[in-house]
């Protein structure tokens, strides 16, 4: 069982930056693929990024490449999402997710991930 808690959301102006954090409980963080998803008002869940166990392999939604950066600190059992050049269309609830222990994740499907945080709101104004 993994408990995930996001933080760092809030409000920003277009062009600004925010960094989200996701603290994981337990001792298996370093053996789990991690991901970020988001859900905008009235829309379905959208894949943002994923990262492998060691942090040396990342994958992003095409529309977010170059603006968002996913990273992890296994010593702190924490996942991050650095968001730069924010746009109003980035407004959404952002969720971190953990895959099963030692599971290789090669898709962007939410179903690949077994544990989810409660989400943190990001609001970007123009």
N, C-alpha and C. Protein backbone atom coordinates (compact mmCIF):
# COMPACT_ATOMS: atom_id res chain seq x y z
N UNK A 1 0.84 -1.18 0.00
CA UNK A 1 0.00 0.00 0.00
C UNK A 1 0.88 1.24 0.00
N UNK A 2 0.51 2.22 -0.81
CA UNK A 2 1.26 3.46 -0.92
C UNK A 2 0.30 4.62 -0.73
N UNK A 3 0.66 5.53 0.14
CA UNK A 3 -0.15 6.74 0.36
C UNK A 3 0.59 7.91 -0.26
N UNK A 4 -0.12 8.64 -1.12
CA UNK A 4 0.49 9.75 -1.85
C UNK A 4 -0.18 11.06 -1.46
N UNK A 5 0.63 12.07 -1.20
CA UNK A 5 0.09 13.38 -0.82
C UNK A 5 0.75 14.45 -1.67
N UNK A 6 -0.06 15.12 -2.48
CA UNK A 6 0.45 16.21 -3.32
C UNK A 6 0.44 17.53 -2.55
N UNK A 7 1.32 18.41 -2.97
CA UNK A 7 1.35 19.77 -2.43
C UNK A 7 1.97 20.68 -3.48
N UNK A 8 1.86 21.97 -3.24
CA UNK A 8 2.50 22.93 -4.14
C UNK A 8 1.57 23.58 -5.14
N UNK A 9 0.34 23.15 -5.18
CA UNK A 9 -0.60 23.79 -6.09
C UNK A 9 -0.95 25.19 -5.62
N UNK A 10 -1.67 25.89 -6.46
CA UNK A 10 -2.09 27.23 -6.12
C UNK A 10 -2.40 28.02 -7.36
N UNK A 11 -2.27 29.33 -7.25
CA UNK A 11 -2.59 30.22 -8.36
C UNK A 11 -1.32 30.82 -8.93
N UNK A 12 -1.33 31.04 -10.23
CA UNK A 12 -0.21 31.68 -10.91
C UNK A 12 -0.75 32.46 -12.10
N UNK A 13 0.02 33.45 -12.52
CA UNK A 13 -0.31 34.18 -13.73
C UNK A 13 0.29 33.45 -14.93
N UNK A 14 -0.30 33.68 -16.06
CA UNK A 14 0.25 33.10 -17.30
C UNK A 14 1.72 33.50 -17.43
N UNK A 15 2.54 32.53 -17.79
CA UNK A 15 3.97 32.76 -17.90
C UNK A 15 4.73 32.45 -16.63
N UNK A 16 4.01 32.24 -15.55
CA UNK A 16 4.65 31.95 -14.27
C UNK A 16 5.00 30.47 -14.12
N UNK A 17 5.46 30.14 -12.92
CA UNK A 17 5.90 28.77 -12.63
C UNK A 17 5.34 28.30 -11.30
N UNK A 18 5.20 26.99 -11.22
CA UNK A 18 4.84 26.32 -9.98
C UNK A 18 5.58 25.00 -9.93
N UNK A 19 5.87 24.53 -8.72
CA UNK A 19 6.45 23.20 -8.56
C UNK A 19 5.56 22.39 -7.64
N UNK A 20 5.10 21.29 -8.14
CA UNK A 20 4.29 20.36 -7.37
C UNK A 20 5.18 19.29 -6.76
N UNK A 21 4.81 18.86 -5.57
CA UNK A 21 5.50 17.76 -4.91
C UNK A 21 4.49 16.67 -4.57
N UNK A 22 4.99 15.46 -4.48
CA UNK A 22 4.14 14.32 -4.11
C UNK A 22 4.96 13.44 -3.17
N UNK A 23 4.56 13.44 -1.92
CA UNK A 23 5.26 12.64 -0.92
C UNK A 23 4.62 11.26 -0.82
N UNK A 24 5.47 10.24 -0.86
CA UNK A 24 4.97 8.86 -0.82
C UNK A 24 5.34 8.20 0.50
N UNK A 25 4.42 7.42 1.00
CA UNK A 25 4.70 6.67 2.23
C UNK A 25 5.34 5.34 1.88
N UNK A 26 5.87 4.65 2.88
CA UNK A 26 6.42 3.33 2.68
C UNK A 26 7.85 3.34 2.18
N UNK A 27 8.37 2.13 1.94
CA UNK A 27 9.77 1.99 1.56
C UNK A 27 9.95 1.49 0.14
N UNK A 28 8.88 1.54 -0.65
CA UNK A 28 8.96 0.97 -2.00
C UNK A 28 8.97 2.03 -3.10
N UNK A 29 9.07 3.29 -2.70
CA UNK A 29 8.99 4.38 -3.69
C UNK A 29 10.00 4.18 -4.82
N UNK A 30 11.22 3.82 -4.47
CA UNK A 30 12.28 3.71 -5.48
C UNK A 30 12.07 2.55 -6.44
N UNK A 31 11.11 1.69 -6.16
CA UNK A 31 10.83 0.55 -7.03
C UNK A 31 9.52 0.71 -7.78
N UNK A 32 9.06 1.96 -7.87
CA UNK A 32 7.79 2.21 -8.56
C UNK A 32 7.93 3.28 -9.63
N UNK A 33 7.41 2.99 -10.82
CA UNK A 33 7.22 4.05 -11.80
C UNK A 33 6.21 5.04 -11.21
N UNK A 34 6.43 6.31 -11.50
CA UNK A 34 5.54 7.34 -10.99
C UNK A 34 5.04 8.20 -12.16
N UNK A 35 3.88 8.79 -11.96
CA UNK A 35 3.33 9.62 -13.02
C UNK A 35 2.53 10.80 -12.47
N UNK A 36 2.32 11.76 -13.34
CA UNK A 36 1.43 12.89 -13.06
C UNK A 36 0.31 12.89 -14.11
N UNK A 37 -0.88 13.14 -13.64
CA UNK A 37 -2.05 13.31 -14.50
C UNK A 37 -2.76 14.59 -14.07
N UNK A 38 -3.64 15.06 -14.92
CA UNK A 38 -4.42 16.24 -14.54
C UNK A 38 -5.83 16.11 -15.09
N UNK A 39 -6.73 16.84 -14.46
CA UNK A 39 -8.12 16.87 -14.91
C UNK A 39 -8.62 18.29 -14.85
N UNK A 40 -8.92 18.84 -16.00
CA UNK A 40 -9.46 20.19 -16.09
C UNK A 40 -10.96 20.15 -15.89
N UNK A 41 -11.55 21.28 -15.50
CA UNK A 41 -13.00 21.31 -15.29
C UNK A 41 -13.78 20.84 -16.51
N UNK A 42 -14.66 19.89 -16.31
CA UNK A 42 -15.50 19.41 -17.40
C UNK A 42 -14.81 18.49 -18.39
N UNK A 43 -13.57 18.09 -18.08
CA UNK A 43 -12.83 17.23 -18.99
C UNK A 43 -12.38 15.95 -18.29
N UNK A 44 -11.93 15.00 -19.08
CA UNK A 44 -11.46 13.76 -18.53
C UNK A 44 -10.02 13.86 -18.06
N UNK A 45 -9.53 12.76 -17.50
CA UNK A 45 -8.16 12.70 -17.02
C UNK A 45 -7.19 12.78 -18.20
N UNK A 46 -6.10 13.51 -18.01
CA UNK A 46 -5.09 13.69 -19.05
C UNK A 46 -3.71 13.33 -18.51
N UNK A 47 -2.99 12.50 -19.24
CA UNK A 47 -1.62 12.14 -18.88
C UNK A 47 -0.73 13.37 -19.01
N UNK A 48 0.14 13.56 -18.03
CA UNK A 48 1.09 14.67 -18.06
C UNK A 48 2.51 14.15 -18.30
N UNK A 49 2.98 13.26 -17.41
CA UNK A 49 4.36 12.77 -17.50
C UNK A 49 4.52 11.52 -16.66
N UNK A 50 5.55 10.75 -16.97
CA UNK A 50 5.88 9.60 -16.13
C UNK A 50 7.40 9.52 -16.00
N UNK A 51 7.86 8.80 -14.97
CA UNK A 51 9.29 8.67 -14.71
C UNK A 51 9.57 7.27 -14.21
N UNK A 52 10.74 6.76 -14.57
CA UNK A 52 11.07 5.39 -14.18
C UNK A 52 11.63 5.35 -12.77
N UNK A 53 12.04 4.15 -12.35
CA UNK A 53 12.45 3.95 -10.96
C UNK A 53 13.60 4.85 -10.53
N UNK A 54 14.59 4.98 -11.41
CA UNK A 54 15.80 5.71 -11.03
C UNK A 54 15.76 7.18 -11.42
N UNK A 55 14.78 7.55 -12.23
CA UNK A 55 14.66 8.94 -12.64
C UNK A 55 15.42 9.29 -13.90
N UNK A 56 16.06 8.31 -14.54
CA UNK A 56 16.84 8.63 -15.73
C UNK A 56 16.08 8.42 -17.03
N UNK A 57 14.82 8.09 -16.91
CA UNK A 57 13.97 7.96 -18.09
C UNK A 57 12.63 8.62 -17.81
N UNK A 58 12.28 9.58 -18.65
CA UNK A 58 11.02 10.31 -18.49
C UNK A 58 10.26 10.34 -19.81
N UNK A 59 8.98 10.58 -19.71
CA UNK A 59 8.14 10.66 -20.90
C UNK A 59 7.05 11.68 -20.62
N UNK A 60 6.77 12.52 -21.65
CA UNK A 60 5.82 13.61 -21.46
C UNK A 60 4.73 13.58 -22.53
N UNK A 61 3.61 14.16 -22.17
CA UNK A 61 2.60 14.44 -23.18
C UNK A 61 3.21 15.42 -24.18
N UNK A 62 2.96 15.19 -25.44
CA UNK A 62 3.59 16.01 -26.49
C UNK A 62 3.34 17.51 -26.28
N UNK A 63 2.15 17.84 -25.84
CA UNK A 63 1.78 19.25 -25.72
C UNK A 63 2.49 19.95 -24.56
N UNK A 64 3.13 19.17 -23.68
CA UNK A 64 3.75 19.75 -22.50
C UNK A 64 5.27 19.72 -22.53
N UNK A 65 5.82 19.05 -23.53
CA UNK A 65 7.28 18.96 -23.63
C UNK A 65 7.91 20.35 -23.68
N UNK A 66 8.96 20.49 -22.91
CA UNK A 66 9.68 21.76 -22.90
C UNK A 66 9.19 22.73 -21.84
N UNK A 67 8.01 22.52 -21.31
CA UNK A 67 7.49 23.41 -20.27
C UNK A 67 7.44 22.72 -18.89
N UNK A 68 7.14 21.43 -18.89
CA UNK A 68 7.02 20.69 -17.64
C UNK A 68 8.20 19.72 -17.49
N UNK A 69 8.64 19.53 -16.26
CA UNK A 69 9.72 18.59 -15.97
C UNK A 69 9.36 17.72 -14.78
N UNK A 70 9.38 16.43 -14.99
CA UNK A 70 9.12 15.49 -13.90
C UNK A 70 10.47 15.01 -13.35
N UNK A 71 10.54 14.87 -12.04
CA UNK A 71 11.76 14.37 -11.40
C UNK A 71 11.39 13.68 -10.11
N UNK A 72 12.37 13.02 -9.52
CA UNK A 72 12.11 12.32 -8.26
C UNK A 72 13.35 12.32 -7.40
N UNK A 73 13.11 12.23 -6.10
CA UNK A 73 14.20 12.10 -5.13
C UNK A 73 13.87 10.85 -4.32
N UNK A 74 14.53 9.75 -4.66
CA UNK A 74 14.20 8.50 -3.99
C UNK A 74 14.59 8.50 -2.51
N UNK A 75 15.61 9.26 -2.16
CA UNK A 75 16.01 9.34 -0.75
C UNK A 75 14.93 10.00 0.09
N UNK A 76 14.15 10.87 -0.53
CA UNK A 76 13.07 11.56 0.16
C UNK A 76 11.69 11.00 -0.17
N UNK A 77 11.66 9.97 -1.01
CA UNK A 77 10.38 9.37 -1.44
C UNK A 77 9.43 10.44 -1.96
N UNK A 78 9.95 11.31 -2.79
CA UNK A 78 9.16 12.44 -3.27
C UNK A 78 9.28 12.58 -4.79
N UNK A 79 8.15 12.83 -5.40
CA UNK A 79 8.04 13.09 -6.83
C UNK A 79 7.78 14.57 -7.03
N UNK A 80 8.31 15.12 -8.13
CA UNK A 80 8.13 16.54 -8.40
C UNK A 80 7.61 16.76 -9.82
N UNK A 81 6.96 17.91 -9.99
CA UNK A 81 6.59 18.37 -11.32
C UNK A 81 6.86 19.87 -11.36
N UNK A 82 7.88 20.25 -12.11
CA UNK A 82 8.19 21.66 -12.31
C UNK A 82 7.42 22.15 -13.53
N UNK A 83 6.62 23.16 -13.34
CA UNK A 83 5.79 23.68 -14.43
C UNK A 83 6.18 25.11 -14.73
N UNK A 84 6.67 25.36 -15.91
CA UNK A 84 7.10 26.69 -16.34
C UNK A 84 6.24 27.19 -17.48
N UNK A 85 6.33 28.47 -17.73
CA UNK A 85 5.57 29.10 -18.83
C UNK A 85 4.11 28.67 -18.78
N UNK A 86 3.53 28.77 -17.63
CA UNK A 86 2.16 28.29 -17.44
C UNK A 86 1.17 29.05 -18.31
N UNK A 87 0.15 28.33 -18.74
CA UNK A 87 -0.92 28.89 -19.57
C UNK A 87 -2.25 28.67 -18.87
N UNK A 88 -3.24 29.48 -19.17
CA UNK A 88 -4.56 29.28 -18.55
C UNK A 88 -5.11 27.88 -18.79
N UNK A 89 -4.77 27.27 -19.90
CA UNK A 89 -5.26 25.92 -20.19
C UNK A 89 -4.58 24.86 -19.33
N UNK A 90 -3.58 25.24 -18.55
CA UNK A 90 -2.97 24.31 -17.59
C UNK A 90 -3.78 24.20 -16.31
N UNK A 91 -4.80 25.04 -16.17
CA UNK A 91 -5.66 24.99 -15.00
C UNK A 91 -6.32 23.63 -14.89
N UNK A 92 -6.13 22.97 -13.76
CA UNK A 92 -6.64 21.63 -13.56
C UNK A 92 -6.30 21.17 -12.15
N UNK A 93 -6.88 20.05 -11.76
CA UNK A 93 -6.42 19.35 -10.56
C UNK A 93 -5.35 18.37 -11.01
N UNK A 94 -4.22 18.42 -10.35
CA UNK A 94 -3.08 17.58 -10.71
C UNK A 94 -2.96 16.44 -9.70
N UNK A 95 -2.79 15.23 -10.23
CA UNK A 95 -2.70 14.04 -9.41
C UNK A 95 -1.38 13.33 -9.65
N UNK A 96 -0.75 12.87 -8.58
CA UNK A 96 0.38 11.97 -8.76
C UNK A 96 -0.12 10.53 -8.61
N UNK A 97 0.60 9.62 -9.24
CA UNK A 97 0.19 8.23 -9.25
C UNK A 97 1.40 7.32 -9.18
N UNK A 98 1.22 6.18 -8.54
CA UNK A 98 2.29 5.19 -8.40
C UNK A 98 1.87 3.87 -9.02
N UNK A 99 2.76 3.28 -9.76
CA UNK A 99 2.49 1.97 -10.35
C UNK A 99 2.82 0.88 -9.35
N UNK A 100 2.47 -0.34 -9.70
CA UNK A 100 2.79 -1.46 -8.84
C UNK A 100 4.30 -1.62 -8.68
N UNK A 101 4.71 -2.22 -7.58
CA UNK A 101 6.13 -2.39 -7.31
C UNK A 101 6.81 -3.19 -8.41
N UNK A 102 7.89 -2.65 -8.94
CA UNK A 102 8.71 -3.27 -9.99
C UNK A 102 7.97 -3.41 -11.33
N UNK A 103 6.84 -2.77 -11.46
CA UNK A 103 6.09 -2.84 -12.72
C UNK A 103 6.65 -1.85 -13.73
N UNK A 104 6.90 -2.35 -14.94
CA UNK A 104 7.38 -1.50 -16.03
C UNK A 104 6.19 -0.82 -16.70
N UNK A 105 6.21 0.48 -16.79
CA UNK A 105 5.11 1.23 -17.40
C UNK A 105 5.58 1.81 -18.72
N UNK A 106 4.93 1.42 -19.80
CA UNK A 106 5.35 1.87 -21.14
C UNK A 106 4.24 2.60 -21.89
N UNK A 107 3.13 2.85 -21.20
CA UNK A 107 2.04 3.57 -21.85
C UNK A 107 1.70 4.81 -21.02
N UNK A 108 0.73 5.57 -21.50
CA UNK A 108 0.27 6.76 -20.78
C UNK A 108 -1.08 6.52 -20.11
N UNK A 109 -1.50 5.29 -20.05
CA UNK A 109 -2.82 4.97 -19.51
C UNK A 109 -2.86 5.11 -18.00
N UNK A 110 -3.91 5.71 -17.51
CA UNK A 110 -4.09 5.84 -16.07
C UNK A 110 -4.22 4.48 -15.40
N UNK A 111 -4.71 3.53 -16.14
CA UNK A 111 -4.91 2.18 -15.60
C UNK A 111 -3.60 1.48 -15.26
N UNK A 112 -2.48 2.02 -15.72
CA UNK A 112 -1.16 1.45 -15.39
C UNK A 112 -0.77 1.72 -13.95
N UNK A 113 -1.44 2.67 -13.33
CA UNK A 113 -1.08 3.12 -12.01
C UNK A 113 -2.10 2.66 -10.99
N UNK A 114 -1.60 2.20 -9.86
CA UNK A 114 -2.46 1.58 -8.85
C UNK A 114 -2.81 2.49 -7.69
N UNK A 115 -2.00 3.48 -7.43
CA UNK A 115 -2.22 4.34 -6.27
C UNK A 115 -2.24 5.80 -6.72
N UNK A 116 -3.14 6.56 -6.10
CA UNK A 116 -3.36 7.94 -6.50
C UNK A 116 -3.41 8.85 -5.28
N UNK A 117 -2.91 10.07 -5.48
CA UNK A 117 -3.05 11.08 -4.46
C UNK A 117 -4.42 11.73 -4.53
N UNK A 118 -4.65 12.67 -3.64
CA UNK A 118 -5.96 13.33 -3.57
C UNK A 118 -6.07 14.49 -4.55
N UNK A 119 -4.95 14.89 -5.12
CA UNK A 119 -4.96 15.96 -6.09
C UNK A 119 -4.67 17.32 -5.49
N UNK A 120 -4.09 18.19 -6.30
CA UNK A 120 -3.84 19.56 -5.89
C UNK A 120 -4.25 20.49 -7.03
N UNK A 121 -4.95 21.56 -6.66
CA UNK A 121 -5.51 22.47 -7.67
C UNK A 121 -4.45 23.45 -8.17
N UNK A 122 -4.37 23.59 -9.47
CA UNK A 122 -3.53 24.60 -10.10
C UNK A 122 -4.43 25.49 -10.94
N UNK A 123 -4.36 26.78 -10.69
CA UNK A 123 -5.18 27.74 -11.42
C UNK A 123 -4.27 28.79 -12.03
N UNK A 124 -4.36 28.94 -13.34
CA UNK A 124 -3.53 29.90 -14.06
C UNK A 124 -4.42 30.96 -14.68
N UNK A 125 -4.16 32.19 -14.34
CA UNK A 125 -4.96 33.30 -14.85
C UNK A 125 -4.20 34.02 -15.96
N UNK A 126 -4.97 34.58 -16.85
CA UNK A 126 -4.36 35.28 -18.00
C UNK A 126 -4.01 36.71 -17.66
